[in-house]
Amino acid sequence: MSAALLRKGLNLLSDDVKVQGPGRKATRGQPSAADRLANTTKKGRMKHLERIRRQLETNKATVKGKIVKSALEEYKKNRATDHTEENLRYLLGSKELTESSITQKVETHSRGRKAKDRPKLKKVKKEEKSIFSERDFKKFEREYFGAS
C-alpha cells in the first residue's frame, strides 16, 4: 500500500474520533472529548481512556458507507502524464518577448551563489607601453655600440 493511500485513509478516519494522547494535558475550563467519553473520576481514568481508544481503533476498520475503488483505477487516475507537448505548444505560441536586459537580470538572479554557477569573467589585457621612445633607443644604441 502506498504512503499516499495511507495518508488519505488516515485523513478520512481522523475526523471520526479525536482523542488526546496520554502525554498531553487538557485545557482547563471545558472537559476534553476523551474526558466526556470516560465519564469517570480521576481514579482509573487513564485505564478507562485506553480501553475506549482500543475500542475505537477496532471500530475504525469498518468500511460502512465507503465506496471501494479498485487499485487499478486509482493507479490509472494518479499516473504521471507527459505534458511536454502541451508546454511546448504554449511556449511557442506566445509571441510576447521580454527585453534582453530583463532576461539577463532574471538569469543572474536565478543562478546559485556557488562559484561553479557564476559566469567566468574575461580579463582585459592592457597593451604594454614602453617608457622609452624610438629616439631614446637610437640614442642608447649610438652611446653603447659607439658612434657609427
N, C-alpha and C. Protein backbone atom coordinates (compact mmCIF):
# COMPACT_ATOMS: atom_id res chain seq x y z
N MET A 1 0.85 -1.17 0.00
CA MET A 1 0.00 0.00 0.00
C MET A 1 0.90 1.24 0.00
N SER A 2 0.59 2.20 -0.80
CA SER A 2 1.45 3.38 -0.91
C SER A 2 1.20 4.33 0.26
N ALA A 3 2.16 5.21 0.48
CA ALA A 3 2.05 6.18 1.58
C ALA A 3 0.91 7.16 1.33
N ALA A 4 0.66 7.49 0.07
CA ALA A 4 -0.41 8.44 -0.24
C ALA A 4 -1.78 7.85 0.12
N LEU A 5 -1.97 6.57 -0.20
CA LEU A 5 -3.24 5.93 0.14
C LEU A 5 -3.42 5.83 1.65
N LEU A 6 -2.32 5.56 2.36
CA LEU A 6 -2.40 5.51 3.82
C LEU A 6 -2.80 6.86 4.39
N ARG A 7 -2.16 7.93 3.86
CA ARG A 7 -2.49 9.27 4.34
C ARG A 7 -3.96 9.60 4.08
N LYS A 8 -4.45 9.24 2.89
CA LYS A 8 -5.85 9.51 2.58
C LYS A 8 -6.78 8.77 3.54
N GLY A 9 -6.43 7.52 3.80
CA GLY A 9 -7.25 6.73 4.72
C GLY A 9 -7.24 7.31 6.12
N LEU A 10 -6.08 7.73 6.59
CA LEU A 10 -6.00 8.32 7.92
C LEU A 10 -6.75 9.64 7.99
N ASN A 11 -6.70 10.42 6.92
CA ASN A 11 -7.43 11.68 6.91
C ASN A 11 -8.94 11.44 6.97
N LEU A 12 -9.40 10.41 6.27
CA LEU A 12 -10.83 10.10 6.29
C LEU A 12 -11.28 9.66 7.68
N LEU A 13 -10.45 8.88 8.34
CA LEU A 13 -10.84 8.33 9.64
C LEU A 13 -10.53 9.27 10.79
N SER A 14 -9.69 10.27 10.58
CA SER A 14 -9.29 11.15 11.69
C SER A 14 -10.43 12.06 12.12
N ASP A 15 -11.38 12.32 11.23
CA ASP A 15 -12.50 13.19 11.58
C ASP A 15 -13.49 12.49 12.51
N ASP A 16 -13.51 11.15 12.50
CA ASP A 16 -14.46 10.42 13.32
C ASP A 16 -14.20 10.60 14.81
N VAL A 17 -12.94 10.41 15.21
CA VAL A 17 -12.60 10.46 16.63
C VAL A 17 -11.30 11.23 16.79
N LYS A 18 -11.32 12.17 17.70
CA LYS A 18 -10.08 12.89 18.03
C LYS A 18 -9.92 12.79 19.54
N VAL A 19 -9.01 11.92 19.99
CA VAL A 19 -8.76 11.72 21.41
C VAL A 19 -7.33 12.16 21.67
N GLN A 20 -7.13 12.92 22.75
CA GLN A 20 -5.80 13.37 23.07
C GLN A 20 -4.97 12.23 23.63
N GLY A 21 -3.66 12.30 23.36
CA GLY A 21 -2.75 11.28 23.84
C GLY A 21 -2.54 11.42 25.33
N PRO A 22 -1.93 10.40 25.98
CA PRO A 22 -1.76 10.43 27.43
C PRO A 22 -0.75 11.49 27.88
N GLY A 23 0.14 11.95 27.03
CA GLY A 23 1.16 12.90 27.43
C GLY A 23 0.68 14.34 27.43
N ARG A 24 -0.44 14.61 26.82
CA ARG A 24 -0.92 16.00 26.71
C ARG A 24 -1.90 16.30 27.83
N LYS A 25 -1.88 17.54 28.27
CA LYS A 25 -2.83 17.97 29.29
C LYS A 25 -4.01 18.64 28.60
N ALA A 26 -5.19 18.38 29.10
CA ALA A 26 -6.37 19.00 28.54
C ALA A 26 -6.44 20.45 29.00
N THR A 27 -7.04 21.31 28.20
CA THR A 27 -7.16 22.71 28.58
C THR A 27 -8.15 22.81 29.72
N ARG A 28 -7.87 23.72 30.61
CA ARG A 28 -8.76 23.87 31.77
C ARG A 28 -10.02 24.61 31.35
N GLY A 29 -11.05 24.38 32.10
CA GLY A 29 -12.32 25.05 31.81
C GLY A 29 -13.31 24.05 31.27
N GLN A 30 -13.13 23.61 30.05
CA GLN A 30 -14.06 22.65 29.45
C GLN A 30 -13.39 21.28 29.39
N PRO A 31 -14.10 20.24 29.70
CA PRO A 31 -13.51 18.90 29.62
C PRO A 31 -13.28 18.50 28.16
N SER A 32 -12.22 17.73 27.93
CA SER A 32 -11.91 17.30 26.57
C SER A 32 -12.89 16.22 26.13
N ALA A 33 -12.80 15.87 24.86
CA ALA A 33 -13.69 14.84 24.31
C ALA A 33 -13.43 13.51 25.00
N ALA A 34 -12.15 13.24 25.29
CA ALA A 34 -11.81 11.98 25.96
C ALA A 34 -12.40 11.94 27.36
N ASP A 35 -12.41 13.09 28.08
CA ASP A 35 -12.98 13.12 29.43
C ASP A 35 -14.48 12.90 29.39
N ARG A 36 -15.12 13.46 28.38
CA ARG A 36 -16.57 13.25 28.26
C ARG A 36 -16.88 11.78 27.97
N LEU A 37 -16.01 11.13 27.18
CA LEU A 37 -16.22 9.71 26.89
C LEU A 37 -15.93 8.85 28.11
N ALA A 38 -14.94 9.24 28.91
CA ALA A 38 -14.53 8.41 30.04
C ALA A 38 -15.63 8.37 31.10
N ASN A 39 -16.23 9.52 31.41
CA ASN A 39 -17.34 9.59 32.35
C ASN A 39 -16.96 8.96 33.69
N THR A 40 -15.74 9.22 34.13
CA THR A 40 -15.29 8.67 35.40
C THR A 40 -14.61 9.76 36.20
N THR A 41 -14.27 9.41 37.44
CA THR A 41 -13.49 10.32 38.27
C THR A 41 -12.02 10.12 37.93
N LYS A 42 -11.13 10.76 38.69
CA LYS A 42 -9.71 10.69 38.37
C LYS A 42 -9.15 9.28 38.57
N LYS A 43 -9.72 8.52 39.47
CA LYS A 43 -9.20 7.19 39.74
C LYS A 43 -9.52 6.26 38.58
N GLY A 44 -8.49 5.66 37.97
CA GLY A 44 -8.69 4.71 36.89
C GLY A 44 -9.07 5.36 35.57
N ARG A 45 -8.92 6.66 35.48
CA ARG A 45 -9.31 7.40 34.28
C ARG A 45 -8.46 7.01 33.08
N MET A 46 -7.14 6.89 33.27
CA MET A 46 -6.24 6.57 32.16
C MET A 46 -6.52 5.18 31.60
N LYS A 47 -6.75 4.21 32.50
CA LYS A 47 -7.06 2.86 32.01
C LYS A 47 -8.37 2.87 31.22
N HIS A 48 -9.31 3.62 31.69
CA HIS A 48 -10.60 3.69 31.01
C HIS A 48 -10.45 4.35 29.63
N LEU A 49 -9.64 5.40 29.57
CA LEU A 49 -9.40 6.07 28.28
C LEU A 49 -8.70 5.13 27.30
N GLU A 50 -7.71 4.37 27.78
CA GLU A 50 -7.03 3.40 26.92
C GLU A 50 -8.02 2.37 26.38
N ARG A 51 -8.92 1.91 27.23
CA ARG A 51 -9.92 0.93 26.81
C ARG A 51 -10.81 1.53 25.72
N ILE A 52 -11.20 2.80 25.89
CA ILE A 52 -12.04 3.47 24.90
C ILE A 52 -11.28 3.60 23.58
N ARG A 53 -9.99 3.99 23.66
CA ARG A 53 -9.17 4.13 22.44
C ARG A 53 -9.07 2.81 21.69
N ARG A 54 -8.85 1.72 22.42
CA ARG A 54 -8.75 0.41 21.77
C ARG A 54 -10.06 0.04 21.08
N GLN A 55 -11.19 0.33 21.72
CA GLN A 55 -12.48 0.04 21.11
C GLN A 55 -12.68 0.87 19.84
N LEU A 56 -12.27 2.13 19.89
CA LEU A 56 -12.43 2.99 18.72
C LEU A 56 -11.53 2.53 17.58
N GLU A 57 -10.32 2.05 17.91
CA GLU A 57 -9.41 1.55 16.87
C GLU A 57 -9.98 0.31 16.19
N THR A 58 -10.63 -0.55 16.95
CA THR A 58 -11.21 -1.74 16.33
C THR A 58 -12.40 -1.36 15.47
N ASN A 59 -13.12 -0.32 15.84
CA ASN A 59 -14.27 0.11 15.06
C ASN A 59 -13.85 0.86 13.79
N LYS A 60 -12.64 1.38 13.77
CA LYS A 60 -12.18 2.13 12.60
C LYS A 60 -12.04 1.25 11.36
N ALA A 61 -11.87 -0.03 11.54
CA ALA A 61 -11.61 -0.92 10.42
C ALA A 61 -12.84 -1.13 9.54
N THR A 62 -14.01 -0.74 10.00
CA THR A 62 -15.20 -0.97 9.19
C THR A 62 -15.24 -0.03 8.00
N VAL A 63 -15.89 -0.48 6.95
CA VAL A 63 -15.94 0.29 5.71
C VAL A 63 -17.39 0.64 5.39
N LYS A 64 -18.20 0.78 6.39
CA LYS A 64 -19.61 1.03 6.18
C LYS A 64 -19.80 2.40 5.54
N GLY A 65 -20.50 2.43 4.43
CA GLY A 65 -20.77 3.70 3.75
C GLY A 65 -19.63 4.20 2.88
N LYS A 66 -18.55 3.48 2.78
CA LYS A 66 -17.41 3.89 1.96
C LYS A 66 -17.50 3.20 0.60
N ILE A 67 -17.07 3.91 -0.43
CA ILE A 67 -17.04 3.34 -1.77
C ILE A 67 -15.67 2.71 -1.99
N VAL A 68 -15.65 1.45 -2.34
CA VAL A 68 -14.39 0.74 -2.55
C VAL A 68 -13.99 0.91 -4.02
N LYS A 69 -12.78 1.42 -4.22
CA LYS A 69 -12.28 1.63 -5.57
C LYS A 69 -11.18 0.61 -5.85
N SER A 70 -11.09 0.22 -7.08
CA SER A 70 -10.05 -0.75 -7.40
C SER A 70 -8.70 -0.06 -7.47
N ALA A 71 -7.67 -0.79 -7.18
CA ALA A 71 -6.32 -0.24 -7.18
C ALA A 71 -5.90 0.14 -8.60
N LEU A 72 -6.38 -0.60 -9.59
CA LEU A 72 -6.03 -0.30 -10.98
C LEU A 72 -6.59 1.05 -11.41
N GLU A 73 -7.83 1.34 -11.02
CA GLU A 73 -8.44 2.64 -11.34
C GLU A 73 -7.67 3.78 -10.67
N GLU A 74 -7.31 3.58 -9.41
CA GLU A 74 -6.54 4.60 -8.69
C GLU A 74 -5.19 4.84 -9.36
N TYR A 75 -4.54 3.75 -9.79
CA TYR A 75 -3.25 3.89 -10.45
C TYR A 75 -3.37 4.65 -11.75
N LYS A 76 -4.38 4.30 -12.54
CA LYS A 76 -4.56 4.99 -13.83
C LYS A 76 -4.88 6.47 -13.62
N LYS A 77 -5.63 6.77 -12.58
CA LYS A 77 -6.02 8.15 -12.32
C LYS A 77 -4.82 8.99 -11.85
N ASN A 78 -3.97 8.40 -11.03
CA ASN A 78 -2.86 9.13 -10.44
C ASN A 78 -1.55 8.97 -11.19
N ARG A 79 -1.56 8.25 -12.32
CA ARG A 79 -0.34 8.02 -13.08
C ARG A 79 0.17 9.34 -13.66
N ALA A 80 1.48 9.49 -13.66
CA ALA A 80 2.08 10.72 -14.18
C ALA A 80 1.88 10.77 -15.69
N THR A 81 1.44 11.92 -16.18
CA THR A 81 1.25 12.10 -17.62
C THR A 81 2.32 13.05 -18.14
N ASP A 82 2.63 12.90 -19.41
CA ASP A 82 3.67 13.71 -20.03
C ASP A 82 3.04 14.97 -20.62
N HIS A 83 3.44 16.13 -20.10
CA HIS A 83 2.87 17.39 -20.53
C HIS A 83 3.81 18.19 -21.42
N THR A 84 4.86 17.57 -21.93
CA THR A 84 5.86 18.34 -22.68
C THR A 84 5.28 18.92 -23.97
N GLU A 85 4.45 18.17 -24.68
CA GLU A 85 3.88 18.68 -25.93
C GLU A 85 2.99 19.90 -25.67
N GLU A 86 2.17 19.83 -24.63
CA GLU A 86 1.31 20.97 -24.29
C GLU A 86 2.16 22.18 -23.91
N ASN A 87 3.20 21.95 -23.13
CA ASN A 87 4.06 23.05 -22.70
C ASN A 87 4.79 23.67 -23.88
N LEU A 88 5.26 22.84 -24.81
CA LEU A 88 5.94 23.37 -25.99
C LEU A 88 5.00 24.21 -26.84
N ARG A 89 3.77 23.72 -27.03
CA ARG A 89 2.79 24.50 -27.80
C ARG A 89 2.53 25.84 -27.13
N TYR A 90 2.44 25.83 -25.83
CA TYR A 90 2.19 27.07 -25.10
C TYR A 90 3.37 28.04 -25.24
N LEU A 91 4.57 27.52 -25.07
CA LEU A 91 5.75 28.38 -25.14
C LEU A 91 5.97 28.92 -26.54
N LEU A 92 5.77 28.08 -27.55
CA LEU A 92 5.96 28.52 -28.92
C LEU A 92 4.83 29.43 -29.39
N GLY A 93 3.66 29.29 -28.78
CA GLY A 93 2.52 30.10 -29.18
C GLY A 93 2.59 31.52 -28.64
N SER A 94 3.32 31.74 -27.57
CA SER A 94 3.37 33.11 -27.02
C SER A 94 4.34 33.95 -27.83
N LYS A 95 3.87 35.10 -28.27
CA LYS A 95 4.67 35.97 -29.12
C LYS A 95 5.29 37.12 -28.33
N GLU A 96 4.94 37.27 -27.07
CA GLU A 96 5.47 38.36 -26.28
C GLU A 96 6.89 38.03 -25.84
N LEU A 97 7.81 38.86 -26.23
CA LEU A 97 9.21 38.66 -25.87
C LEU A 97 9.62 39.74 -24.89
N THR A 98 10.43 39.36 -23.94
CA THR A 98 10.90 40.34 -22.96
C THR A 98 12.20 40.95 -23.43
N GLU A 99 12.54 42.06 -22.82
CA GLU A 99 13.78 42.73 -23.18
C GLU A 99 14.96 41.90 -22.69
N SER A 100 16.07 42.05 -23.40
CA SER A 100 17.25 41.24 -23.04
C SER A 100 17.80 41.65 -21.68
N SER A 101 17.67 42.91 -21.31
CA SER A 101 18.19 43.34 -20.00
C SER A 101 17.41 42.67 -18.87
N ILE A 102 16.11 42.52 -19.07
CA ILE A 102 15.29 41.87 -18.03
C ILE A 102 15.62 40.39 -17.94
N THR A 103 15.80 39.74 -19.10
CA THR A 103 16.14 38.32 -19.06
C THR A 103 17.50 38.11 -18.43
N GLN A 104 18.44 39.02 -18.67
CA GLN A 104 19.76 38.92 -18.03
C GLN A 104 19.63 39.01 -16.52
N LYS A 105 18.81 39.95 -16.04
CA LYS A 105 18.61 40.10 -14.60
C LYS A 105 18.01 38.83 -14.00
N VAL A 106 17.02 38.27 -14.68
CA VAL A 106 16.37 37.06 -14.17
C VAL A 106 17.36 35.90 -14.14
N GLU A 107 18.16 35.77 -15.18
CA GLU A 107 19.14 34.68 -15.23
C GLU A 107 20.19 34.83 -14.14
N THR A 108 20.68 36.02 -13.93
CA THR A 108 21.70 36.21 -12.88
C THR A 108 21.11 36.00 -11.50
N HIS A 109 19.85 36.38 -11.33
CA HIS A 109 19.23 36.19 -10.02
C HIS A 109 18.95 34.72 -9.73
N SER A 110 18.59 33.97 -10.77
CA SER A 110 18.24 32.57 -10.54
C SER A 110 19.46 31.66 -10.43
N ARG A 111 20.62 32.16 -10.82
CA ARG A 111 21.83 31.35 -10.63
C ARG A 111 22.14 31.24 -9.16
N GLY A 112 22.86 30.20 -8.81
CA GLY A 112 23.20 29.99 -7.42
C GLY A 112 24.33 30.90 -6.97
N ARG A 113 24.70 30.75 -5.71
CA ARG A 113 25.77 31.55 -5.15
C ARG A 113 27.11 30.84 -5.23
N LYS A 114 27.10 29.61 -5.65
CA LYS A 114 28.34 28.84 -5.69
C LYS A 114 29.25 29.35 -6.80
N ALA A 115 30.51 29.07 -6.65
CA ALA A 115 31.49 29.55 -7.63
C ALA A 115 31.27 28.88 -8.99
N LYS A 116 30.79 27.65 -8.96
CA LYS A 116 30.59 26.95 -10.24
C LYS A 116 29.42 27.54 -11.03
N ASP A 117 28.51 28.24 -10.35
CA ASP A 117 27.36 28.82 -11.03
C ASP A 117 27.63 30.22 -11.57
N ARG A 118 28.71 30.84 -11.16
CA ARG A 118 29.00 32.20 -11.61
C ARG A 118 29.65 32.18 -12.98
N PRO A 119 29.33 33.18 -13.79
CA PRO A 119 29.97 33.23 -15.11
C PRO A 119 31.44 33.63 -14.98
N LYS A 120 32.25 33.12 -15.90
CA LYS A 120 33.67 33.43 -15.87
C LYS A 120 33.89 34.82 -16.44
N LEU A 121 34.60 35.63 -15.69
CA LEU A 121 34.88 36.98 -16.14
C LEU A 121 36.12 36.97 -17.03
N LYS A 122 36.02 37.65 -18.14
CA LYS A 122 37.15 37.72 -19.06
C LYS A 122 38.04 38.87 -18.63
N LYS A 123 39.34 38.57 -18.49
CA LYS A 123 40.28 39.60 -18.09
C LYS A 123 40.73 40.37 -19.33
N VAL A 124 40.66 41.66 -19.23
CA VAL A 124 41.06 42.51 -20.33
C VAL A 124 42.54 42.83 -20.16
N LYS A 125 43.33 42.45 -21.16
CA LYS A 125 44.77 42.71 -21.08
C LYS A 125 45.06 44.06 -21.70
N LYS A 126 45.81 44.85 -20.97
CA LYS A 126 46.20 46.15 -21.48
C LYS A 126 47.49 46.00 -22.27
N GLU A 127 47.60 46.79 -23.31
CA GLU A 127 48.83 46.75 -24.11
C GLU A 127 49.95 47.40 -23.31
N GLU A 128 51.08 46.71 -23.32
CA GLU A 128 52.22 47.25 -22.58
C GLU A 128 52.84 48.40 -23.38
N LYS A 129 52.94 49.54 -22.76
CA LYS A 129 53.53 50.69 -23.41
C LYS A 129 54.93 50.88 -22.84
N SER A 130 55.81 51.15 -23.74
CA SER A 130 57.19 51.35 -23.34
C SER A 130 57.40 52.78 -22.86
N ILE A 131 58.25 52.90 -21.88
CA ILE A 131 58.57 54.25 -21.37
C ILE A 131 59.47 54.98 -22.37
N PHE A 132 60.28 54.19 -23.05
CA PHE A 132 61.25 54.76 -23.98
C PHE A 132 60.65 54.90 -25.37
N SER A 133 61.03 55.93 -26.06
CA SER A 133 60.59 56.14 -27.43
C SER A 133 61.65 55.62 -28.39
N GLU A 134 61.36 55.65 -29.67
CA GLU A 134 62.32 55.19 -30.69
C GLU A 134 63.58 56.05 -30.66
N ARG A 135 63.43 57.34 -30.43
CA ARG A 135 64.57 58.23 -30.38
C ARG A 135 65.52 57.84 -29.24
N ASP A 136 64.93 57.42 -28.09
CA ASP A 136 65.74 57.00 -26.95
C ASP A 136 66.51 55.72 -27.27
N PHE A 137 65.87 54.79 -27.97
CA PHE A 137 66.56 53.55 -28.34
C PHE A 137 67.73 53.82 -29.29
N LYS A 138 67.53 54.70 -30.25
CA LYS A 138 68.61 55.03 -31.18
C LYS A 138 69.76 55.73 -30.47
N LYS A 139 69.43 56.59 -29.53
CA LYS A 139 70.46 57.30 -28.76
C LYS A 139 71.27 56.31 -27.93
N PHE A 140 70.57 55.35 -27.30
CA PHE A 140 71.24 54.34 -26.49
C PHE A 140 72.15 53.48 -27.36
N GLU A 141 71.69 53.12 -28.54
CA GLU A 141 72.47 52.29 -29.46
C GLU A 141 73.74 53.02 -29.86
N ARG A 142 73.65 54.30 -30.14
CA ARG A 142 74.85 55.06 -30.51
C ARG A 142 75.84 55.14 -29.37
N GLU A 143 75.31 55.37 -28.15
CA GLU A 143 76.20 55.51 -26.99
C GLU A 143 76.85 54.19 -26.63
N TYR A 144 76.11 53.11 -26.70
CA TYR A 144 76.61 51.80 -26.24
C TYR A 144 77.55 51.17 -27.25
N PHE A 145 77.12 51.16 -28.49
CA PHE A 145 77.93 50.49 -29.51
C PHE A 145 78.93 51.44 -30.17
N GLY A 146 78.85 52.64 -29.87
CA GLY A 146 79.78 53.61 -30.46
C GLY A 146 79.10 54.40 -31.55
N ALA A 147 79.73 55.47 -31.87
CA ALA A 147 79.16 56.35 -32.91
C ALA A 147 79.41 55.73 -34.27
N SER A 148 78.42 55.34 -34.91
CA SER A 148 78.57 54.82 -36.26
C SER A 148 77.61 55.41 -37.22
